[in-house]
């Protein structure tokens, strides 16, 4: 089967996770080839049949909507501490692009020791238990998905375990209708700094757009699907075989939009640079990116402006 011909140029590739894990070699091989192509050529794909119960997803969506509908003073009980990141906040940020228009609830959900329950909403009363279940399901999906990606890249299990941490940070966004929607963005163009991001688009309102061949392509909101995208670290680890892609979020003047993005990053002691296992013998010295500690990489990222993928220029090897 010609995998390139099988994917529409105007629609994100759709990957069936049940087929990736199918015991039939031919089925799993065909689906993993589609996954490999999606990561190489798109940096994004829709993941369906991932095994997360639809009722749990609906409950998570409902609890999140209920939280964001609470009075501001009640939501601000979960505001971040000075200089902190976790908690609820409104963001109206002006930068080189446009005003960003969204509310955000950010929580570290994995590993358990990194949680700070002070910032976990208690209203609605089921929020915490629903989020706990949803977080565990995302953890399961991520583990299975990354194992398949590792196998497709020819990486041994010990290499995968050396790279991927247990960290899971959930960014839950609420994009209210904006009377001047054309003047703002929900999120300005950027790429994700981590390894993989799993995104749940709540409802049927489109807003996520990815940059493909110099144009912005809207991502369809498929019920219960997860939108998966390659992060900058995975692009670097694969020496550019897989690509992280610039994306943004638009808003409308009539409808609200919500999303839940699960971000995953490497272990703190992981060196961010092309994996030796990714290079063929004749390419051993053909590194496209520098190698540095994860802490150094984050400091490099934070030291510059977030302008699309411009920060990746500092990671490129001097040829």
Protein backbone atom coordinates (compact mmCIF):
# COMPACT_ATOMS: atom_id res chain seq x y z
CA UNK A 1 0.00 0.00 0.00
CA UNK A 2 1.30 3.47 -0.91
CA UNK A 3 1.08 5.27 2.44
CA UNK A 4 1.60 8.72 0.94
CA UNK A 5 -1.27 8.24 -1.51
CA UNK A 6 -3.51 6.97 1.29
CA UNK A 7 -3.50 10.30 3.15
CA UNK A 8 -5.41 13.36 1.96
CA UNK A 9 -3.26 16.48 1.54
CA UNK A 10 -5.91 18.58 3.29
CA UNK A 11 -6.78 16.36 6.23
CA UNK A 12 -4.72 15.20 9.17
CA UNK A 13 -3.78 11.53 9.02
CA UNK A 14 -6.08 9.38 11.17
CA UNK A 15 -4.35 6.59 13.11
CA UNK A 16 -6.34 3.74 14.68
CA UNK A 17 -4.65 2.74 17.92
CA UNK A 18 -6.44 -0.61 18.06
CA UNK A 19 -4.83 -1.45 14.72
CA UNK A 20 -1.39 -0.36 15.97
CA UNK A 21 -1.74 -2.87 18.81
CA UNK A 22 -3.41 -5.59 16.71
CA UNK A 23 -1.75 -9.00 17.18
CA UNK A 24 -1.95 -9.52 13.43
CA UNK A 25 1.47 -8.54 12.06
CA UNK A 26 0.11 -7.29 8.73
CA UNK A 27 -2.49 -5.02 10.36
CA UNK A 28 -0.13 -3.48 12.93
CA UNK A 29 2.65 -3.07 10.34
CA UNK A 30 0.37 -1.20 7.94
CA UNK A 31 -0.93 1.12 10.67
CA UNK A 32 2.54 1.76 12.11
CA UNK A 33 3.71 2.74 8.61
CA UNK A 34 0.93 5.34 8.51
CA UNK A 35 2.02 6.56 11.95
CA UNK A 36 5.63 6.85 10.80
CA UNK A 37 4.55 8.81 7.72
CA UNK A 38 2.37 11.14 9.82
CA UNK A 39 5.26 11.94 12.18
CA UNK A 40 7.68 12.52 9.27
CA UNK A 41 5.48 14.59 6.98
CA UNK A 42 2.86 16.17 9.22
CA UNK A 43 4.07 16.17 12.83
CA UNK A 44 0.39 15.79 13.73
CA UNK A 45 -2.27 13.09 13.53
CA UNK A 46 -5.70 12.18 14.85
CA UNK A 47 -5.70 9.14 17.15
CA UNK A 48 -8.95 7.16 17.30
CA UNK A 49 -9.99 3.84 18.87
CA UNK A 50 -7.53 4.58 21.68
CA UNK A 51 -9.51 2.75 24.33
CA UNK A 52 -10.50 5.69 26.53
CA UNK A 53 -14.17 5.20 27.38
CA UNK A 54 -16.43 7.73 25.69
CA UNK A 55 -18.43 8.23 28.88
CA UNK A 56 -15.26 9.20 30.76
CA UNK A 57 -14.34 11.70 28.05
CA UNK A 58 -17.85 13.18 28.15
CA UNK A 59 -17.65 13.42 31.95
CA UNK A 60 -14.26 15.12 31.79
CA UNK A 61 -15.57 17.59 29.23
CA UNK A 62 -18.68 18.28 31.31
CA UNK A 63 -16.77 18.82 34.56
CA UNK A 64 -14.30 21.15 32.83
CA UNK A 65 -17.10 23.22 31.29
CA UNK A 66 -18.78 23.47 34.68
CA UNK A 67 -15.57 24.70 36.30
CA UNK A 68 -14.95 27.40 33.72
CA UNK A 69 -18.56 28.59 34.09
CA UNK A 70 -18.07 29.28 37.82
CA UNK A 71 -17.91 32.90 39.04
CA UNK A 72 -14.44 34.41 38.65
CA UNK A 73 -13.90 34.77 42.39
CA UNK A 74 -14.52 31.05 42.90
CA UNK A 75 -12.10 30.06 40.13
CA UNK A 76 -9.48 32.42 41.52
CA UNK A 77 -9.35 30.34 44.70
CA UNK A 78 -7.12 28.09 42.58
CA UNK A 79 -4.91 30.88 41.24
CA UNK A 80 -1.15 30.22 40.94
CA UNK A 81 1.22 31.33 43.68
CA UNK A 82 3.52 34.25 42.78
CA UNK A 83 5.95 32.97 40.19
CA UNK A 84 4.12 29.64 40.00
CA UNK A 85 2.62 27.92 36.98
CA UNK A 86 -0.01 25.55 38.36
CA UNK A 87 -3.56 26.77 38.85
CA UNK A 88 -6.23 28.88 37.18
CA UNK A 89 -5.63 32.17 35.40
CA UNK A 90 -6.84 34.41 32.64
CA UNK A 91 -4.41 35.29 29.91
CA UNK A 92 -4.66 38.36 27.78
CA UNK A 93 -1.13 38.59 26.45
CA UNK A 94 0.10 40.92 23.75
CA UNK A 95 3.29 40.02 21.92
CA UNK A 96 4.72 40.37 18.44
CA UNK A 97 1.71 38.58 16.99
CA UNK A 98 -1.77 39.17 18.43
CA UNK A 99 -3.55 39.36 21.74
CA UNK A 100 -4.04 35.90 23.24
CA UNK A 101 -7.61 35.33 24.38
CA UNK A 102 -8.14 32.44 26.77
CA UNK A 103 -8.54 31.20 30.33
CA UNK A 104 -6.20 28.44 31.52
CA UNK A 105 -6.16 25.78 34.19
CA UNK A 106 -2.72 24.15 34.33
CA UNK A 107 -2.06 21.12 36.56
CA UNK A 108 0.80 18.65 36.85
CA UNK A 109 -1.05 15.34 37.01
CA UNK A 110 1.79 12.78 36.79
CA UNK A 111 3.78 11.55 38.63
CA UNK A 112 1.76 11.55 41.83
CA UNK A 113 4.59 13.06 43.90
CA UNK A 114 4.58 16.17 41.69
CA UNK A 115 0.90 16.93 42.20
CA UNK A 116 -0.19 19.91 44.26
CA UNK A 117 -3.82 19.29 45.20
CA UNK A 118 -4.16 22.90 46.35
CA UNK A 119 -4.76 23.80 42.70
CA UNK A 120 -7.15 20.97 41.84
CA UNK A 121 -10.72 22.36 41.68
CA UNK A 122 -13.25 21.00 44.16
CA UNK A 123 -16.25 22.30 42.23
CA UNK A 124 -17.83 20.46 40.54
CA UNK A 125 -17.44 17.82 43.28
CA UNK A 126 -16.52 15.10 40.76
CA UNK A 127 -13.77 17.14 39.08
CA UNK A 128 -10.84 15.59 40.94
CA UNK A 129 -11.93 11.97 40.59
CA UNK A 130 -12.77 12.45 36.91
CA UNK A 131 -9.43 14.10 36.22
CA UNK A 132 -7.63 11.31 38.09
CA UNK A 133 -9.21 8.65 35.86
CA UNK A 134 -8.68 10.66 32.69
CA UNK A 135 -5.02 11.29 33.56
CA UNK A 136 -4.37 7.58 34.06
CA UNK A 137 -5.96 6.77 30.70
CA UNK A 138 -3.81 9.38 28.95
CA UNK A 139 -0.76 7.88 30.65
CA UNK A 140 -1.69 4.44 29.30
CA UNK A 141 -2.23 5.76 25.76
CA UNK A 142 1.04 7.69 25.80
CA UNK A 143 3.04 4.66 26.96
CA UNK A 144 1.59 2.38 24.28
CA UNK A 145 1.94 4.99 21.55
CA UNK A 146 5.54 5.83 22.40
CA UNK A 147 6.46 2.14 22.45
CA UNK A 148 5.14 1.78 18.90
CA UNK A 149 7.00 4.93 17.83
CA UNK A 150 10.17 3.59 19.43
CA UNK A 151 9.87 0.29 17.58
CA UNK A 152 9.28 2.12 14.29
CA UNK A 153 12.42 4.16 14.94
CA UNK A 154 14.38 1.02 15.71
CA UNK A 155 14.92 1.97 19.35
CA UNK A 156 15.32 -0.69 22.02
CA UNK A 157 12.98 -0.59 25.06
CA UNK A 158 15.84 0.49 27.33
CA UNK A 159 16.42 3.56 25.13
CA UNK A 160 12.74 4.49 25.37
CA UNK A 161 12.77 4.11 29.16
CA UNK A 162 15.95 6.21 29.31
CA UNK A 163 14.28 9.08 27.45
CA UNK A 164 10.62 9.35 28.46
CA UNK A 165 9.75 10.59 31.96
CA UNK A 166 6.50 10.08 33.84
CA UNK A 167 5.77 13.80 33.65
CA UNK A 168 2.29 14.74 32.47
CA UNK A 169 1.18 18.38 32.54
CA UNK A 170 -2.41 19.20 31.56
CA UNK A 171 -3.19 22.58 30.05
CA UNK A 172 -6.97 23.01 30.04
CA UNK A 173 -7.99 25.98 27.92
CA UNK A 174 -11.26 27.86 27.72
CA UNK A 175 -11.59 30.17 24.71
CA UNK A 176 -14.62 32.44 25.21
CA UNK A 177 -16.33 34.09 22.24
CA UNK A 178 -14.62 37.35 21.32
CA UNK A 179 -16.50 40.27 19.72
CA UNK A 180 -13.36 41.13 17.75
CA UNK A 181 -12.27 37.59 16.94
CA UNK A 182 -10.23 38.64 13.90
CA UNK A 183 -8.06 40.84 16.12
CA UNK A 184 -7.01 38.11 18.57
CA UNK A 185 -5.82 34.52 18.71
CA UNK A 186 -6.52 31.87 21.31
CA UNK A 187 -2.83 30.91 21.13
CA UNK A 188 -0.16 32.50 18.96
CA UNK A 189 1.92 30.36 16.56
CA UNK A 190 4.29 28.05 18.42
CA UNK A 191 5.59 24.49 18.57
CA UNK A 192 5.55 22.31 21.68
CA UNK A 193 8.86 21.95 23.50
CA UNK A 194 8.39 18.41 24.84
CA UNK A 195 8.23 14.91 23.35
CA UNK A 196 4.58 14.28 22.50
CA UNK A 197 1.35 16.17 23.16
CA UNK A 198 -2.07 14.52 23.36
CA UNK A 199 -4.93 16.98 22.81
CA UNK A 200 -8.65 16.51 23.36
CA UNK A 201 -10.77 19.02 21.46
CA UNK A 202 -13.97 19.48 23.46
CA UNK A 203 -17.12 19.69 21.33
CA UNK A 204 -17.32 20.33 17.61
CA UNK A 205 -15.94 23.88 17.40
CA UNK A 206 -12.80 24.06 15.29
CA UNK A 207 -9.98 26.35 16.35
CA UNK A 208 -6.69 24.46 16.17
CA UNK A 209 -4.70 25.18 13.02
CA UNK A 210 -1.37 23.75 11.87
CA UNK A 211 1.08 25.20 9.38
CA UNK A 212 1.39 22.98 6.32
CA UNK A 213 3.28 24.06 3.19
CA UNK A 214 3.19 27.67 4.37
CA UNK A 215 -0.58 27.72 4.88
CA UNK A 216 -2.78 27.38 7.96
CA UNK A 217 -4.87 24.21 7.94
CA UNK A 218 -7.82 23.84 10.33
CA UNK A 219 -7.92 20.59 12.29
CA UNK A 220 -11.28 18.86 12.34
CA UNK A 221 -12.81 18.29 15.78
CA UNK A 222 -13.55 14.54 15.73
CA UNK A 223 -15.62 13.37 18.68
CA UNK A 224 -13.52 11.58 21.32
CA UNK A 225 -10.39 11.60 19.12
CA UNK A 226 -7.02 12.70 20.47
CA UNK A 227 -4.91 15.02 18.34
CA UNK A 228 -1.27 13.98 18.76
CA UNK A 229 1.68 16.14 17.82
CA UNK A 230 5.44 15.71 17.80
CA UNK A 231 7.32 18.00 20.18
CA UNK A 232 10.62 19.78 19.60
CA UNK A 233 12.53 17.31 21.78
CA UNK A 234 11.36 14.35 19.69
CA UNK A 235 12.40 16.17 16.51
CA UNK A 236 15.86 16.69 17.99
CA UNK A 237 16.18 13.13 19.33
CA UNK A 238 15.31 11.74 15.87
CA UNK A 239 17.77 14.16 14.21
CA UNK A 240 14.88 15.69 12.26
CA UNK A 241 13.35 12.44 11.00
CA UNK A 242 10.16 13.38 12.87
CA UNK A 243 9.10 17.01 12.81
CA UNK A 244 7.49 19.35 15.29
CA UNK A 245 5.10 21.71 13.55
CA UNK A 246 4.02 25.26 14.17
CA UNK A 247 0.39 25.57 15.27
CA UNK A 248 -2.00 28.17 16.64
CA UNK A 249 -5.56 28.52 17.96
CA UNK A 250 -8.23 30.82 16.57
CA UNK A 251 -11.42 31.98 18.31
CA UNK A 252 -14.89 32.93 17.08
CA UNK A 253 -17.28 35.71 17.97
CA UNK A 254 -20.17 33.33 18.62
CA UNK A 255 -19.07 30.04 20.15
CA UNK A 256 -16.86 29.07 23.05
CA UNK A 257 -14.20 26.39 22.68
CA UNK A 258 -12.43 24.17 25.20
CA UNK A 259 -9.47 21.81 24.94
CA UNK A 260 -7.28 19.65 27.15
CA UNK A 261 -3.62 19.24 26.17
CA UNK A 262 -1.41 16.65 27.90
CA UNK A 263 2.26 17.55 27.59
CA UNK A 264 5.07 15.04 28.13
CA UNK A 265 8.76 15.69 28.49
CA UNK A 266 12.03 13.75 28.81
CA UNK A 267 13.67 12.75 32.06
CA UNK A 268 15.57 15.60 33.77
CA UNK A 269 18.91 13.81 33.24
CA UNK A 270 18.18 13.09 29.58
CA UNK A 271 20.58 14.69 27.13
CA UNK A 272 18.65 16.53 24.42
CA UNK A 273 20.37 15.79 21.14
CA UNK A 274 20.26 13.27 18.28
CA UNK A 275 20.21 9.71 19.58
CA UNK A 276 23.20 7.68 18.46
CA UNK A 277 20.77 4.84 17.74
CA UNK A 278 19.02 7.03 15.16
CA UNK A 279 22.09 7.49 12.97
CA UNK A 280 23.28 4.99 10.40
CA UNK A 281 26.98 4.23 10.25
CA UNK A 282 27.56 6.60 7.35
CA UNK A 283 25.69 9.37 9.21
CA UNK A 284 27.53 9.13 12.52
CA UNK A 285 28.91 12.64 12.26
CA UNK A 286 25.93 14.17 10.50
CA UNK A 287 24.20 15.69 13.50
CA UNK A 288 21.59 18.29 12.62
CA UNK A 289 21.21 19.46 16.22
CA UNK A 290 23.41 20.25 19.19
CA UNK A 291 23.37 18.15 22.34
CA UNK A 292 22.80 19.66 25.78
CA UNK A 293 21.13 18.80 29.06
CA UNK A 294 17.38 19.17 29.31
CA UNK A 295 17.81 22.02 31.80
CA UNK A 296 20.11 23.85 29.37
CA UNK A 297 17.61 23.28 26.57
CA UNK A 298 14.75 24.75 28.62
CA UNK A 299 16.86 27.76 29.60
CA UNK A 300 17.68 28.30 25.93
CA UNK A 301 14.00 28.13 25.06
CA UNK A 302 12.98 30.54 27.84
CA UNK A 303 15.72 33.03 26.98
CA UNK A 304 14.18 33.94 23.63
CA UNK A 305 10.84 35.10 22.27
CA UNK A 306 8.24 32.51 21.37
CA UNK A 307 7.93 33.18 17.65
CA UNK A 308 6.77 30.06 15.88
CA UNK A 309 9.75 27.67 15.78
CA UNK A 310 12.47 30.32 15.73
CA UNK A 311 13.93 29.02 19.00
CA UNK A 312 14.93 25.80 17.20
CA UNK A 313 17.50 27.77 15.20
CA UNK A 314 19.63 27.93 18.34
CA UNK A 315 19.56 24.14 18.58
CA UNK A 316 20.83 23.51 15.07
CA UNK A 317 24.37 22.20 14.73
CA UNK A 318 26.94 24.46 13.13
CA UNK A 319 27.82 22.89 9.80
